[in-house]
């Protein structure tokens, strides 16, 4: 098991460093629907759709977190709360 870093001088993680990438396969019909949506709504991209979908799912399942709510609202309404 990995040990936790408890160093008091540890630098804080910036928001840019909190981004985690992952790779997964989408079912064909889901990918086609997403591609069609992006074609019809050029202000959206696959990353914005997935972030909004995951955040919305977690909120619906009862996960309460201010940062998650800000992410969801920001992605849905195209608001950048960081600037």
N, C-alpha and C. Protein backbone atom coordinates (compact mmCIF):
# COMPACT_ATOMS: atom_id res chain seq x y z
N UNK A 1 0.84 -1.18 0.00
CA UNK A 1 0.00 0.00 0.00
C UNK A 1 0.89 1.24 0.00
N UNK A 2 0.49 2.25 -0.74
CA UNK A 2 1.28 3.47 -0.85
C UNK A 2 1.14 4.33 0.40
N UNK A 3 2.28 4.87 0.87
CA UNK A 3 2.26 5.74 2.04
C UNK A 3 1.78 7.13 1.66
N UNK A 4 1.04 7.76 2.57
CA UNK A 4 0.59 9.12 2.34
C UNK A 4 1.71 10.10 2.60
N UNK A 5 1.76 11.15 1.81
CA UNK A 5 2.77 12.19 2.00
C UNK A 5 2.22 13.18 3.02
N UNK A 6 2.84 13.22 4.20
CA UNK A 6 2.36 14.11 5.25
C UNK A 6 3.31 15.28 5.47
N UNK A 7 4.17 15.56 4.51
CA UNK A 7 5.12 16.66 4.60
C UNK A 7 4.37 17.98 4.71
N UNK A 8 4.65 18.77 5.75
CA UNK A 8 3.97 20.04 5.96
C UNK A 8 4.34 21.08 4.92
N UNK A 9 5.47 20.92 4.25
CA UNK A 9 5.91 21.87 3.24
C UNK A 9 5.44 21.49 1.84
N UNK A 10 4.55 20.54 1.76
CA UNK A 10 4.05 20.06 0.48
C UNK A 10 3.37 21.21 -0.27
N UNK A 11 3.69 21.36 -1.55
CA UNK A 11 3.07 22.43 -2.34
C UNK A 11 1.63 22.08 -2.65
N UNK A 12 0.80 23.10 -2.73
CA UNK A 12 -0.60 22.89 -3.04
C UNK A 12 -0.78 22.56 -4.51
N UNK A 13 -1.71 21.72 -4.80
CA UNK A 13 -2.01 21.34 -6.17
C UNK A 13 -2.89 22.42 -6.79
N UNK A 14 -2.51 22.91 -7.96
CA UNK A 14 -3.32 23.90 -8.65
C UNK A 14 -4.43 23.20 -9.41
N UNK A 15 -5.44 23.96 -9.79
CA UNK A 15 -6.58 23.39 -10.51
C UNK A 15 -6.14 22.71 -11.81
N UNK A 16 -5.15 23.26 -12.51
CA UNK A 16 -4.68 22.65 -13.75
C UNK A 16 -4.09 21.27 -13.50
N UNK A 17 -3.48 21.04 -12.36
CA UNK A 17 -2.87 19.76 -12.05
C UNK A 17 -3.89 18.73 -11.59
N UNK A 18 -5.12 19.14 -11.33
CA UNK A 18 -6.15 18.22 -10.86
C UNK A 18 -6.84 17.47 -11.99
N UNK A 19 -6.50 17.78 -13.22
CA UNK A 19 -7.14 17.13 -14.36
C UNK A 19 -6.55 15.73 -14.54
N UNK A 20 -7.42 14.75 -14.62
CA UNK A 20 -7.02 13.36 -14.79
C UNK A 20 -7.62 12.86 -16.09
N UNK A 21 -6.79 12.29 -16.94
CA UNK A 21 -7.27 11.74 -18.20
C UNK A 21 -7.50 10.24 -18.05
N UNK A 22 -8.50 9.73 -18.76
CA UNK A 22 -8.71 8.30 -18.79
C UNK A 22 -9.25 7.92 -20.15
N UNK A 23 -9.06 6.67 -20.49
CA UNK A 23 -9.47 6.17 -21.80
C UNK A 23 -10.51 5.07 -21.59
N UNK A 24 -11.58 5.14 -22.37
CA UNK A 24 -12.59 4.10 -22.30
C UNK A 24 -13.31 4.00 -23.63
N UNK A 25 -13.97 2.90 -23.85
CA UNK A 25 -14.71 2.66 -25.08
C UNK A 25 -16.17 3.07 -24.89
N UNK A 26 -16.70 3.75 -25.89
CA UNK A 26 -18.12 4.09 -25.90
C UNK A 26 -18.85 3.14 -26.84
N UNK A 27 -20.08 2.82 -26.51
CA UNK A 27 -20.90 2.06 -27.44
C UNK A 27 -21.10 2.91 -28.69
N UNK A 28 -21.20 2.25 -29.83
CA UNK A 28 -21.33 2.96 -31.10
C UNK A 28 -22.47 3.96 -31.14
N UNK A 29 -23.65 3.56 -30.64
CA UNK A 29 -24.80 4.47 -30.70
C UNK A 29 -24.61 5.69 -29.80
N UNK A 30 -23.93 5.51 -28.68
CA UNK A 30 -23.66 6.64 -27.78
C UNK A 30 -22.67 7.60 -28.42
N UNK A 31 -21.64 7.06 -29.05
CA UNK A 31 -20.66 7.93 -29.72
C UNK A 31 -21.29 8.66 -30.90
N UNK A 32 -22.14 7.99 -31.65
CA UNK A 32 -22.83 8.65 -32.77
C UNK A 32 -23.71 9.79 -32.28
N UNK A 33 -24.43 9.55 -31.20
CA UNK A 33 -25.29 10.59 -30.64
C UNK A 33 -24.47 11.78 -30.15
N UNK A 34 -23.33 11.49 -29.51
CA UNK A 34 -22.47 12.56 -29.02
C UNK A 34 -21.89 13.35 -30.20
N UNK A 35 -21.45 12.66 -31.23
CA UNK A 35 -20.92 13.34 -32.41
C UNK A 35 -21.96 14.22 -33.07
N UNK A 36 -23.18 13.73 -33.18
CA UNK A 36 -24.27 14.52 -33.77
C UNK A 36 -24.57 15.75 -32.92
N UNK A 37 -24.56 15.59 -31.60
CA UNK A 37 -24.81 16.71 -30.70
C UNK A 37 -23.73 17.78 -30.86
N UNK A 38 -22.47 17.37 -30.94
CA UNK A 38 -21.37 18.32 -31.10
C UNK A 38 -21.47 19.04 -32.45
N UNK A 39 -21.86 18.32 -33.49
CA UNK A 39 -22.06 18.96 -34.80
C UNK A 39 -23.15 20.02 -34.74
N UNK A 40 -24.23 19.74 -34.03
CA UNK A 40 -25.36 20.66 -33.92
C UNK A 40 -25.12 21.78 -32.92
N UNK A 41 -24.20 21.58 -31.98
CA UNK A 41 -23.91 22.56 -30.92
C UNK A 41 -22.40 22.79 -30.86
N UNK A 42 -21.87 23.65 -31.72
CA UNK A 42 -20.42 23.80 -31.82
C UNK A 42 -19.74 24.36 -30.56
N UNK A 43 -20.49 24.91 -29.63
CA UNK A 43 -19.88 25.41 -28.39
C UNK A 43 -19.66 24.27 -27.38
N UNK A 44 -20.06 23.05 -27.73
CA UNK A 44 -19.83 21.88 -26.89
C UNK A 44 -18.75 21.02 -27.54
N UNK A 45 -18.03 20.26 -26.73
CA UNK A 45 -17.12 19.24 -27.24
C UNK A 45 -17.26 18.00 -26.36
N UNK A 46 -16.57 16.94 -26.73
CA UNK A 46 -16.73 15.67 -26.02
C UNK A 46 -16.33 15.80 -24.55
N UNK A 47 -15.35 16.63 -24.25
CA UNK A 47 -14.89 16.77 -22.87
C UNK A 47 -15.93 17.49 -22.01
N UNK A 48 -16.52 18.52 -22.57
CA UNK A 48 -17.55 19.27 -21.84
C UNK A 48 -18.76 18.38 -21.59
N UNK A 49 -19.16 17.60 -22.59
CA UNK A 49 -20.30 16.70 -22.44
C UNK A 49 -20.05 15.68 -21.32
N UNK A 50 -18.89 15.03 -21.35
CA UNK A 50 -18.59 14.01 -20.36
C UNK A 50 -18.46 14.59 -18.95
N UNK A 51 -17.83 15.76 -18.83
CA UNK A 51 -17.70 16.38 -17.51
C UNK A 51 -19.07 16.75 -16.95
N UNK A 52 -19.93 17.33 -17.78
CA UNK A 52 -21.27 17.69 -17.33
C UNK A 52 -22.09 16.45 -16.98
N UNK A 53 -21.94 15.39 -17.78
CA UNK A 53 -22.69 14.16 -17.53
C UNK A 53 -22.26 13.49 -16.22
N UNK A 54 -20.96 13.40 -15.99
CA UNK A 54 -20.48 12.76 -14.76
C UNK A 54 -20.87 13.60 -13.54
N UNK A 55 -20.68 14.91 -13.62
CA UNK A 55 -21.05 15.78 -12.51
C UNK A 55 -22.55 15.70 -12.23
N UNK A 56 -23.37 15.72 -13.28
CA UNK A 56 -24.82 15.61 -13.12
C UNK A 56 -25.23 14.29 -12.49
N UNK A 57 -24.61 13.20 -12.92
CA UNK A 57 -24.90 11.89 -12.36
C UNK A 57 -24.59 11.85 -10.87
N UNK A 58 -23.40 12.34 -10.50
CA UNK A 58 -23.02 12.33 -9.09
C UNK A 58 -23.96 13.19 -8.24
N UNK A 59 -24.36 14.33 -8.76
CA UNK A 59 -25.29 15.18 -8.03
C UNK A 59 -26.65 14.49 -7.86
N UNK A 60 -27.12 13.82 -8.91
CA UNK A 60 -28.39 13.10 -8.83
C UNK A 60 -28.33 11.98 -7.81
N UNK A 61 -27.16 11.40 -7.63
CA UNK A 61 -27.00 10.30 -6.67
C UNK A 61 -26.73 10.79 -5.25
N UNK A 62 -26.81 12.11 -5.05
CA UNK A 62 -26.72 12.65 -3.71
C UNK A 62 -25.36 13.13 -3.25
N UNK A 63 -24.37 13.14 -4.15
CA UNK A 63 -23.05 13.63 -3.76
C UNK A 63 -23.11 15.15 -3.65
N UNK A 64 -22.85 15.68 -2.48
CA UNK A 64 -22.91 17.11 -2.22
C UNK A 64 -21.51 17.69 -2.14
N UNK A 65 -21.18 18.57 -3.07
CA UNK A 65 -19.87 19.19 -3.07
C UNK A 65 -19.96 20.49 -3.87
N UNK A 66 -19.51 21.58 -3.28
CA UNK A 66 -19.61 22.89 -3.92
C UNK A 66 -18.83 22.94 -5.23
N UNK A 67 -17.63 22.37 -5.27
CA UNK A 67 -16.83 22.38 -6.50
C UNK A 67 -17.51 21.58 -7.61
N UNK A 68 -18.13 20.47 -7.24
CA UNK A 68 -18.85 19.66 -8.22
C UNK A 68 -20.04 20.44 -8.78
N UNK A 69 -20.77 21.11 -7.93
CA UNK A 69 -21.91 21.92 -8.38
C UNK A 69 -21.45 23.02 -9.31
N UNK A 70 -20.35 23.69 -8.97
CA UNK A 70 -19.82 24.75 -9.82
C UNK A 70 -19.39 24.19 -11.18
N UNK A 71 -18.75 23.02 -11.18
CA UNK A 71 -18.35 22.39 -12.43
C UNK A 71 -19.57 22.09 -13.29
N UNK A 72 -20.58 21.49 -12.70
CA UNK A 72 -21.78 21.12 -13.44
C UNK A 72 -22.46 22.35 -14.04
N UNK A 73 -22.69 23.35 -13.21
CA UNK A 73 -23.36 24.57 -13.70
C UNK A 73 -22.50 25.27 -14.74
N UNK A 74 -21.20 25.32 -14.48
CA UNK A 74 -20.30 25.96 -15.43
C UNK A 74 -20.30 25.28 -16.78
N UNK A 75 -20.30 23.95 -16.80
CA UNK A 75 -20.31 23.23 -18.06
C UNK A 75 -21.66 23.36 -18.77
N UNK A 76 -22.74 23.30 -18.01
CA UNK A 76 -24.06 23.39 -18.62
C UNK A 76 -24.34 24.78 -19.19
N UNK A 77 -23.87 25.81 -18.50
CA UNK A 77 -24.17 27.18 -18.92
C UNK A 77 -22.98 27.87 -19.58
N UNK A 78 -21.89 27.13 -19.78
CA UNK A 78 -20.68 27.67 -20.41
C UNK A 78 -20.13 28.86 -19.64
N UNK A 79 -20.01 28.70 -18.33
CA UNK A 79 -19.47 29.73 -17.46
C UNK A 79 -18.12 29.24 -16.94
N UNK A 80 -17.12 30.12 -16.97
CA UNK A 80 -15.80 29.79 -16.42
C UNK A 80 -15.67 30.47 -15.07
N UNK A 81 -15.84 29.71 -13.98
CA UNK A 81 -15.78 30.28 -12.63
C UNK A 81 -14.36 30.55 -12.18
N UNK A 82 -13.37 30.02 -12.90
CA UNK A 82 -11.98 30.19 -12.48
C UNK A 82 -11.41 31.55 -12.82
N UNK A 83 -12.00 32.26 -13.76
CA UNK A 83 -11.47 33.57 -14.18
C UNK A 83 -12.38 34.69 -13.77
